[in-house]
Protein backbone atom coordinates (compact mmCIF):
# COMPACT_ATOMS: atom_id res chain seq x y z
CA THR A 1 -47.10 -105.50 3.18
CA GLY A 2 -43.35 -105.24 3.75
CA GLY A 3 -43.11 -103.03 0.68
CA HIS A 4 -45.78 -100.67 2.02
CA ARG A 5 -43.92 -100.26 5.37
CA GLU A 6 -40.64 -99.50 3.61
CA GLY A 7 -42.33 -96.88 1.44
CA ARG A 8 -43.81 -95.14 4.50
CA ARG A 9 -40.36 -95.00 6.19
CA VAL A 10 -38.82 -93.47 3.06
CA SER A 11 -41.56 -90.89 2.72
CA ARG A 12 -41.29 -89.95 6.38
CA GLY A 13 -37.51 -89.56 6.17
CA GLY A 14 -37.82 -87.49 3.02
CA ALA A 15 -40.44 -85.27 4.64
CA SER A 16 -38.24 -84.85 7.71
CA ARG A 17 -35.25 -83.88 5.64
CA ALA A 18 -37.37 -81.59 3.48
CA GLY A 19 -38.75 -79.89 6.59
CA HIS A 20 -35.26 -79.42 7.96
CA ARG A 21 -34.11 -77.89 4.69
CA GLY A 22 -37.13 -75.58 4.86
CA LEU A 23 -36.10 -74.37 8.28
CA LEU A 24 -32.58 -73.78 7.07
CA ALA A 25 -33.94 -71.86 4.09
CA ARG A 26 -35.99 -69.64 6.41
CA GLY A 27 -32.84 -68.81 8.42
CA SER A 28 -33.86 -70.69 11.54
CA SER A 29 -30.48 -72.33 12.02
CA PRO A 30 -29.29 -71.42 15.57
CA PRO A 31 -25.60 -70.99 14.67
CA VAL A 32 -26.44 -68.51 11.90
CA MET A 33 -28.79 -66.56 14.13
CA CYS A 34 -26.26 -66.43 16.95
CA GLY A 35 -23.60 -65.15 14.62
CA ALA A 36 -25.91 -62.47 13.21
CA ALA A 37 -27.00 -61.44 16.66
CA ASN A 38 -23.44 -61.17 17.88
CA SER A 39 -22.47 -59.05 14.86
CA THR A 40 -25.39 -56.73 15.45
CA GLU A 41 -24.55 -56.33 19.10
CA ASP A 42 -20.94 -55.58 18.21
CA VAL A 43 -22.01 -52.87 15.75
CA HIS A 44 -24.31 -51.28 18.31
CA ALA A 45 -21.60 -51.44 20.94
CA SER A 46 -19.09 -49.85 18.57
CA THR A 47 -21.54 -47.08 17.63
CA ASP A 48 -22.32 -46.34 21.27
CA ALA A 49 -18.64 -46.20 22.10
CA SER A 50 -17.96 -43.75 19.25
CA ARG A 51 -20.83 -41.58 20.40
CA ASP A 52 -19.44 -41.51 23.90
CA ALA A 53 -15.99 -40.51 22.57
CA GLN A 54 -17.25 -37.86 20.12
CA PRO A 55 -17.49 -34.84 22.49
CA SER A 56 -13.85 -35.14 23.57
CA ALA A 57 -12.63 -35.62 19.98
CA ALA A 58 -14.53 -32.62 18.58
CA PRO A 59 -14.90 -29.87 21.23
CA ASP A 60 -17.55 -27.22 20.85
CA PRO A 61 -16.44 -24.05 18.99
CA LYS A 62 -15.39 -21.09 21.07
CA PRO A 63 -18.26 -18.73 21.81
CA SER A 64 -16.10 -15.73 20.82
CA SER A 65 -15.92 -16.73 17.14
CA SER A 66 -19.25 -15.12 16.37
CA GLY A 67 -18.03 -11.89 17.95
CA ASP A 68 -14.88 -11.97 15.83
CA ASP A 69 -16.97 -12.41 12.68
CA ALA A 70 -19.11 -9.45 13.65
CA ASP A 71 -16.02 -7.30 14.23
CA SER A 72 -14.61 -8.31 10.84
CA ALA A 73 -17.88 -7.45 9.11
CA GLU A 74 -17.96 -4.04 10.79
CA GLU A 75 -14.35 -3.33 9.82
CA LEU A 76 -15.04 -4.29 6.20
CA ALA A 77 -18.09 -2.04 6.08
CA ALA A 78 -16.10 0.85 7.56
CA MET A 79 -13.28 0.35 5.05
CA LEU A 80 -15.66 0.34 2.09
CA ALA A 81 -17.38 3.49 3.35
CA ALA A 82 -13.99 5.23 3.74
CA LEU A 83 -12.97 4.15 0.24
CA ARG A 84 -16.16 5.56 -1.28
CA GLU A 85 -15.64 8.84 0.53
CA LEU A 86 -11.97 9.03 -0.45
CA ARG A 87 -12.70 8.39 -4.11
CA GLY A 88 -15.30 11.15 -4.17
CA GLU A 89 -12.98 13.64 -2.51
CA MET A 90 -10.06 12.72 -4.76
CA LYS A 91 -12.18 13.30 -7.83
CA SER A 92 -12.92 16.81 -6.60
CA ALA A 93 -9.28 17.38 -5.56
CA ILE A 94 -8.07 16.60 -9.07
CA GLU A 95 -10.48 19.11 -10.59
CA SER A 96 -10.01 22.09 -8.23
CA PRO A 97 -8.53 23.17 -4.88
CA LEU A 98 -10.42 21.81 -1.88
CA MET A 99 -11.58 23.87 1.04
CA PRO A 100 -9.25 23.46 4.05
CA ASN A 101 -11.70 21.30 6.00
CA ARG A 102 -12.21 18.91 3.07
CA GLN A 103 -8.49 18.77 2.40
CA GLN A 104 -7.90 17.90 6.04
CA ARG A 105 -10.50 15.15 5.81
CA VAL A 106 -8.69 13.57 2.85
CA LEU A 107 -5.42 13.64 4.77
CA GLU A 108 -7.11 11.95 7.73
CA LEU A 109 -8.53 9.20 5.51
CA LEU A 110 -5.12 8.51 3.98
CA ARG A 111 -3.34 8.50 7.33
CA ASP A 112 -5.92 6.29 9.02
CA ARG A 113 -6.12 3.79 6.15
CA PRO A 114 -2.99 4.21 3.97
CA ALA A 115 -3.76 1.03 2.00
CA LEU A 116 -6.70 2.88 0.40
CA ALA A 117 -4.19 4.99 -1.53
CA HIS A 118 -3.78 2.06 -3.92
CA ARG A 119 -7.51 2.11 -4.79
CA CYS A 120 -8.52 5.77 -4.56
CA GLY A 121 -8.60 6.34 -8.33
CA VAL A 122 -5.55 8.64 -8.72
CA PHE A 123 -3.42 7.48 -11.65
CA PRO A 124 -0.15 8.99 -12.93
CA ASP A 125 -1.87 10.90 -15.73
CA VAL A 126 -3.94 12.97 -13.26
CA LEU A 127 -1.26 13.38 -10.58
CA PRO A 128 -0.02 16.73 -11.99
CA SER A 129 -3.52 18.19 -11.63
CA LEU A 130 -3.77 16.91 -8.08
CA ALA A 131 -0.31 18.29 -7.21
CA GLU A 132 -1.12 21.71 -8.64
CA ASN A 133 -4.57 21.99 -7.03
CA ASN A 134 -3.91 20.29 -3.70
CA PRO A 135 -0.18 19.72 -3.07
CA PRO A 136 -0.54 18.41 0.52
CA VAL A 137 -2.96 15.74 -0.69
CA ALA A 138 -0.66 14.74 -3.56
CA ALA A 139 2.31 14.50 -1.19
CA GLU A 140 0.40 12.37 1.34
CA LEU A 141 -0.84 10.09 -1.43
CA LEU A 142 2.69 9.52 -2.76
CA LEU A 143 4.01 8.85 0.74
CA CYS A 144 1.36 6.15 1.19
CA LEU A 145 2.18 4.61 -2.19
CA ALA A 146 5.92 4.67 -1.48
CA ARG A 147 5.65 2.98 1.90
CA ASN A 148 4.69 -0.61 2.58
CA HIS A 149 0.87 -0.34 2.76
CA PRO A 150 0.73 -3.25 2.10
CA ALA A 151 3.55 -2.90 -0.44
CA PRO A 152 4.97 -0.12 -2.60
CA SER A 153 2.73 0.60 -5.58
CA HIS A 154 3.89 -0.88 -8.88
CA ASN A 155 2.81 2.46 -10.42
CA LEU A 156 5.20 4.46 -8.24
CA PRO A 157 7.85 5.01 -10.97
CA ALA A 158 5.10 6.31 -13.28
CA HIS A 159 3.95 8.71 -10.56
CA PHE A 160 7.51 10.01 -10.18
CA ASP A 161 7.78 10.45 -13.94
CA ALA A 162 4.55 12.45 -13.89
CA LEU A 163 6.00 14.82 -11.28
CA VAL A 164 9.12 15.34 -13.36
CA SER A 165 7.17 15.99 -16.56
CA MET A 166 4.76 18.55 -15.09
CA PRO A 167 5.67 22.26 -15.24
CA THR A 168 8.00 23.28 -12.43
CA SER A 169 6.02 25.33 -9.93
CA LEU A 170 5.76 26.30 -6.32
CA HIS A 171 3.26 23.50 -5.73
CA SER A 172 5.23 20.77 -7.46
CA MET A 173 8.32 21.74 -5.46
CA GLU A 174 6.22 21.64 -2.30
CA VAL A 175 5.24 18.04 -3.09
CA VAL A 176 8.83 16.95 -3.80
CA ASN A 177 10.13 18.78 -0.75
CA ARG A 178 7.64 16.90 1.45
CA LEU A 179 8.75 13.60 -0.05
CA VAL A 180 12.40 14.40 0.54
CA SER A 181 11.68 15.56 4.11
CA GLU A 182 9.70 12.50 5.22
CA ALA A 183 10.75 9.63 2.97
CA SER A 184 14.04 10.57 1.36
CA GLU A 185 15.30 6.98 1.51
CA LEU A 186 12.35 5.86 -0.64
CA LEU A 187 13.07 8.29 -3.49
CA PRO A 188 15.23 6.93 -6.33
CA ASP A 189 18.36 8.93 -7.16
CA ASP A 190 17.25 9.03 -10.80
CA PHE A 191 14.06 10.84 -9.79
CA VAL A 192 15.94 13.44 -7.71
CA ARG A 193 18.43 14.08 -10.52
CA ALA A 194 15.69 14.38 -13.12
CA TYR A 195 13.64 16.79 -11.00
CA VAL A 196 16.65 18.99 -10.22
CA ALA A 197 17.45 19.14 -13.94
CA GLU A 198 13.85 20.20 -14.66
CA CYS A 199 14.05 22.96 -12.05
CA ILE A 200 17.26 24.34 -13.56
CA SER A 201 15.80 24.10 -17.05
CA ALA A 202 12.71 26.03 -15.93
CA CYS A 203 14.95 28.88 -14.76
CA GLN A 204 16.95 28.90 -17.98
CA ASP A 205 13.84 28.92 -20.14
CA GLY A 206 11.97 31.40 -18.00
CA ALA A 207 9.29 28.74 -17.70
CA GLY A 208 7.52 27.42 -14.67
CA SER A 209 4.99 28.94 -12.36
CA THR A 210 5.72 30.94 -9.23
CA ALA A 211 2.11 31.30 -8.22
CA ALA A 212 1.56 34.86 -9.32
CA GLY A 213 -0.38 36.84 -6.74
CA THR A 214 1.12 35.00 -3.82
CA SER A 215 1.41 37.21 -0.79
CA PRO A 216 4.83 38.12 0.63
CA GLY A 217 4.43 35.80 3.60
CA ASP A 218 3.56 32.72 1.52
CA ALA A 219 6.08 29.92 1.17
CA LEU A 220 6.32 26.23 0.66
CA SER A 221 4.45 24.70 3.56
CA SER A 222 7.04 21.95 3.93
CA GLY A 223 9.89 24.25 4.92
CA LEU A 224 10.76 26.68 2.14
CA SER A 225 10.65 30.10 3.80
CA LEU A 226 11.28 32.06 0.63
CA SER A 227 9.07 35.09 0.13
CA LEU A 228 7.93 35.36 -3.45
CA THR A 229 7.99 39.13 -3.37
CA PRO A 230 10.60 40.25 -5.93
CA SER A 231 13.76 41.68 -4.46
CA PRO A 232 14.83 45.18 -5.56
CA GLY A 233 16.20 45.10 -9.08
CA ALA A 234 14.92 41.58 -9.68
CA GLY A 235 11.23 41.93 -10.30
CA SER A 236 10.74 39.51 -13.18
CA THR A 237 8.98 36.18 -12.92
CA GLY A 238 12.22 34.49 -14.01
CA SER A 239 14.09 36.04 -11.07
CA ARG A 240 11.44 34.86 -8.64
CA MET A 241 11.72 31.37 -10.09
CA VAL A 242 15.53 31.43 -9.68
CA ARG A 243 15.20 32.41 -6.03
CA LEU A 244 12.58 29.75 -5.40
CA VAL A 245 14.62 27.03 -7.08
CA CYS A 246 17.76 28.04 -5.16
CA MET A 247 15.92 27.76 -1.85
CA PHE A 248 14.56 24.37 -2.85
CA LEU A 249 18.01 23.11 -3.89
CA GLN A 250 19.48 24.29 -0.58
CA LEU A 251 17.09 21.97 1.21
CA LEU A 252 18.15 19.06 -0.99
CA VAL A 253 21.82 19.76 -0.20
CA ARG A 254 21.13 19.91 3.54
CA ARG A 255 19.30 16.60 3.40
CA GLY A 256 22.12 14.92 1.53
CA ARG A 257 20.28 14.40 -1.76
CA ILE A 258 22.80 16.53 -3.66
CA GLY A 259 26.26 15.34 -2.74
CA GLY A 260 29.65 16.69 -3.72
CA GLY A 261 31.46 15.16 -6.66
CA THR A 262 28.30 14.02 -8.43
CA ASP A 263 27.00 15.04 -11.83
CA VAL A 264 23.99 16.76 -10.30
CA ALA A 265 26.27 18.74 -7.94
CA ALA A 266 28.34 19.91 -10.90
CA GLU A 267 25.19 21.00 -12.72
CA VAL A 268 23.95 22.91 -9.67
CA SER A 269 27.35 24.61 -9.24
CA LYS A 270 27.28 25.79 -12.84
CA PHE A 271 23.74 27.07 -12.35
CA CYS A 272 24.87 29.09 -9.30
CA VAL A 273 27.93 30.58 -11.02
CA GLU A 274 25.77 31.84 -13.88
CA ARG A 275 23.45 33.58 -11.38
CA MET A 276 25.93 34.64 -8.72
CA ARG A 277 24.40 38.13 -8.51
CA THR A 278 21.29 36.57 -7.03
CA LYS A 279 21.66 36.31 -3.26
CA GLU A 280 20.02 32.90 -3.02
CA ALA A 281 22.23 31.49 -5.80
CA ALA A 282 25.37 32.71 -4.04
CA ALA A 283 24.19 31.14 -0.77
CA LEU A 284 23.47 27.86 -2.54
CA TYR A 285 26.94 27.85 -4.10
CA ARG A 286 28.62 28.38 -0.72
CA LEU A 287 26.50 25.64 0.86
CA LEU A 288 27.37 23.20 -1.90
CA ARG A 289 31.11 23.95 -1.64
CA SER A 290 30.95 23.53 2.13
CA ALA A 291 29.25 20.16 1.72
CA GLU A 292 31.91 19.07 -0.77
CA GLU A 293 34.74 20.10 1.57
CA ARG A 294 33.08 18.32 4.50
CA GLU A 295 32.67 15.15 2.49
CA GLY A 296 36.28 15.40 1.30
CA GLY A 297 37.48 15.84 4.90
CA ASP A 298 35.49 12.85 6.06
CA THR A 299 36.94 10.76 3.24
CA GLY A 300 40.49 11.85 4.09
CA ALA A 301 39.98 11.09 7.78
CA GLY A 302 38.62 7.67 6.91
CA GLU A 303 41.61 6.90 4.73
CA GLY A 304 44.01 8.12 7.40
């Protein structure tokens, strides 16, 4: 009987401990539950706090940003439309002279958006055709390429070489004269020397073009006021070319691109002496000597 009572106490204790372990296994332990509950509450509290702080940390975007995007899209569309128009007009300008209204439109496009000059499709190999057919357009294009829009073109030296290599003519001199008048500081000395040498060579060879059929009142639109009507006793094309070149060189001297004591000045002086019977050559020679004396006087005064 005593053995039976002892066995019942053991079985009850084992059942009690087994039940307790079962509760622990099911996660019913109060300390564990309290800890889990506290952790969950902390997470919720932290999340709520971050939500409350979020508006001040990340303010709403400005309402004007959408308007700025719309303006940028409109500007881009306008630029692309202008580029398409400019390319079409330049293609025609290379092939033949444009009507005055179309030529004026090209000039407006280049002046309004000078950066388009870099992408309008005019390369050095076609520049001579553009200069001969539409000299104002060629001059405006080169001015845009030479200035910072957005930076001078890396093809600019090749464009200058193309001007030097094309036949010397009224139109090519008009282009160079416009460049010297408006952007002389951007023109390399080598280009000016090379072009002057080509002009003199054209007179010596009787080459070049003086725009036969030009009326007496015609002249270089950029400032050359020389009438192409032959003077008495000098009716040949070569004489007209000499007069035209002399007038062009006078402008270069006045703008300081042909200075005294330089190789190009010596070459121009020799050219004038050989053609002293031509009125324009004599005037050029006197102008060049006057510039040399003025420069010499300024040098002497500076040294004194």
